[in-house]
Amino acid sequence: MNYIKMITAGLVATAVMTGFMLLAPFVGLPKMNVGVILGAWFGKSEVVGWILHAVIGIIMVLPYVFFFNHWIPVENKVARGTIYGIMIFVFSEIAFTIINIWGQLSFVDKENMALMVFGNALAGMIYGTVLGAFF
């Protein structure tokens, strides 16, 4: 297995997804600052949140390469990656719900929850699509 290719795919997919998340306010979606959201678990450190975001992006390549790439019954590799992105979205919503239950979100974040879920679904599909294009 080519681990350099896996790390590169994770970084590229995470970078493209992050770019979408940062540009989301320009298309009418709420600001999705994943560094702040993930950093809420670590003493409100946005830098740690962004580092964690990149690490998660690399780690999420492993289940795709070793399991889901072969398990998802779709011939088109980009479509298979997009389906995996939907799975990533479900996983991230579970994590986001835990953060919300722990009271780590501000009132503004809670007001925009439905639009954030939509934006997160798109971001997950973008991540999966780019990842699928690599494998």
Protein backbone atom coordinates (compact mmCIF):
# COMPACT_ATOMS: atom_id res chain seq x y z
CA MET A 1 0.00 0.00 0.00
CA ASN A 2 1.31 3.45 -0.93
CA TYR A 3 1.10 5.41 2.34
CA ILE A 4 2.43 8.62 0.76
CA LYS A 5 -0.49 8.50 -1.68
CA MET A 6 -2.91 7.94 1.23
CA ILE A 7 -1.55 10.89 3.22
CA THR A 8 -1.57 13.09 0.12
CA ALA A 9 -5.14 12.09 -0.68
CA GLY A 10 -6.21 12.89 2.86
CA LEU A 11 -4.49 16.27 2.83
CA VAL A 12 -5.82 17.24 -0.60
CA ALA A 13 -9.38 16.12 0.21
CA THR A 14 -9.24 17.96 3.54
CA ALA A 15 -7.84 21.09 1.88
CA VAL A 16 -10.58 21.16 -0.78
CA MET A 17 -13.27 20.54 1.84
CA THR A 18 -11.80 23.24 4.10
CA GLY A 19 -11.73 25.68 1.20
CA PHE A 20 -15.43 25.04 0.65
CA MET A 21 -16.14 25.54 4.36
CA LEU A 22 -14.27 28.84 4.42
CA LEU A 23 -16.08 30.06 1.29
CA ALA A 24 -19.51 28.90 2.52
CA PRO A 25 -20.56 32.36 3.86
CA PHE A 26 -20.14 33.78 0.36
CA VAL A 27 -22.87 31.46 -0.98
CA GLY A 28 -25.35 32.09 1.82
CA LEU A 29 -24.35 29.29 4.20
CA PRO A 30 -23.34 30.09 7.78
CA LYS A 31 -19.69 30.38 8.73
CA MET A 32 -18.32 26.89 9.36
CA ASN A 33 -15.14 27.47 11.33
CA VAL A 34 -14.16 23.89 12.07
CA GLY A 35 -11.08 25.06 13.97
CA VAL A 36 -13.26 26.74 16.57
CA ILE A 37 -15.74 23.85 16.74
CA LEU A 38 -13.09 21.15 17.18
CA GLY A 39 -10.94 23.40 19.35
CA ALA A 40 -13.83 23.70 21.82
CA TRP A 41 -12.77 20.30 23.17
CA PHE A 42 -9.23 21.49 23.80
CA GLY A 43 -9.47 24.64 25.85
CA LYS A 44 -11.03 26.72 23.09
CA SER A 45 -7.81 26.59 21.05
CA GLU A 46 -8.57 27.32 17.40
CA VAL A 47 -5.05 26.31 16.33
CA VAL A 48 -5.43 22.90 17.96
CA GLY A 49 -8.84 22.60 16.28
CA TRP A 50 -7.34 23.18 12.82
CA ILE A 51 -4.53 20.72 13.47
CA LEU A 52 -7.07 18.16 14.66
CA HIS A 53 -9.13 18.81 11.51
CA ALA A 54 -6.12 18.01 9.30
CA VAL A 55 -5.24 14.90 11.31
CA ILE A 56 -8.84 13.64 11.13
CA GLY A 57 -8.80 14.25 7.36
CA ILE A 58 -5.75 12.01 7.04
CA ILE A 59 -7.05 9.35 9.42
CA MET A 60 -10.41 9.10 7.61
CA VAL A 61 -8.53 7.89 4.52
CA LEU A 62 -7.68 4.62 6.26
CA PRO A 63 -11.22 3.17 6.55
CA TYR A 64 -11.88 4.17 2.95
CA VAL A 65 -8.74 2.58 1.51
CA PHE A 66 -8.80 -0.60 3.56
CA PHE A 67 -12.53 -1.25 3.74
CA PHE A 68 -15.08 1.05 2.10
CA ASN A 69 -13.30 1.35 -1.25
CA HIS A 70 -13.91 -2.37 -1.75
CA TRP A 71 -17.17 -2.69 0.18
CA ILE A 72 -19.29 0.07 -1.45
CA PRO A 73 -20.89 -1.65 -4.48
CA VAL A 74 -20.42 1.18 -7.00
CA GLU A 75 -18.15 0.93 -10.04
CA ASN A 76 -17.44 4.65 -10.44
CA LYS A 77 -14.64 5.56 -8.05
CA VAL A 78 -15.76 9.19 -7.70
CA ALA A 79 -19.33 8.13 -6.88
CA ARG A 80 -17.97 5.58 -4.41
CA GLY A 81 -15.97 8.35 -2.74
CA THR A 82 -19.05 10.58 -2.60
CA ILE A 83 -20.98 7.81 -0.84
CA TYR A 84 -18.13 7.54 1.64
CA GLY A 85 -18.36 11.31 2.08
CA ILE A 86 -21.98 10.90 3.13
CA MET A 87 -20.81 8.38 5.74
CA ILE A 88 -18.24 10.93 6.92
CA PHE A 89 -21.05 13.48 7.19
CA VAL A 90 -23.05 11.15 9.45
CA PHE A 91 -19.98 10.57 11.63
CA SER A 92 -19.27 14.30 11.87
CA GLU A 93 -22.87 15.05 12.80
CA ILE A 94 -22.60 12.61 15.69
CA ALA A 95 -19.46 14.41 16.86
CA PHE A 96 -21.12 17.80 16.33
CA THR A 97 -24.13 16.67 18.40
CA ILE A 98 -21.83 15.64 21.24
CA ILE A 99 -20.15 19.05 21.14
CA ASN A 100 -23.59 20.68 21.23
CA ILE A 101 -24.76 18.52 24.16
CA TRP A 102 -21.65 19.49 26.11
CA GLY A 103 -22.66 23.13 25.63
CA GLN A 104 -19.63 24.12 23.57
CA LEU A 105 -21.56 25.99 20.85
CA SER A 106 -22.54 29.63 20.99
CA PHE A 107 -26.13 30.78 20.54
CA VAL A 108 -25.39 31.98 16.99
CA ASP A 109 -24.17 28.52 16.01
CA LYS A 110 -27.38 26.97 17.32
CA GLU A 111 -29.53 29.41 15.31
CA ASN A 112 -27.81 28.39 12.08
CA MET A 113 -27.86 24.66 12.86
CA ALA A 114 -29.99 23.53 9.87
CA LEU A 115 -27.89 25.45 7.36
CA MET A 116 -24.71 24.21 9.03
CA VAL A 117 -25.94 20.63 8.66
CA PHE A 118 -26.56 21.23 4.95
CA GLY A 119 -23.13 22.80 4.53
CA ASN A 120 -21.53 19.97 6.46
CA ALA A 121 -23.25 17.44 4.19
CA LEU A 122 -21.84 19.21 1.14
CA ALA A 123 -18.40 19.40 2.74
CA GLY A 124 -18.46 15.67 3.50
CA MET A 125 -19.45 14.84 -0.06
CA ILE A 126 -16.71 17.11 -1.40
CA TYR A 127 -14.15 15.36 0.81
CA GLY A 128 -15.34 11.93 -0.34
CA THR A 129 -15.45 12.92 -3.99
CA VAL A 130 -11.86 14.17 -3.96
CA LEU A 131 -10.77 11.11 -2.00
CA GLY A 132 -12.54 8.80 -4.46
CA ALA A 133 -10.78 10.48 -7.37
CA PHE A 134 -7.44 9.44 -5.83
CA PHE A 135 -8.33 5.76 -5.51
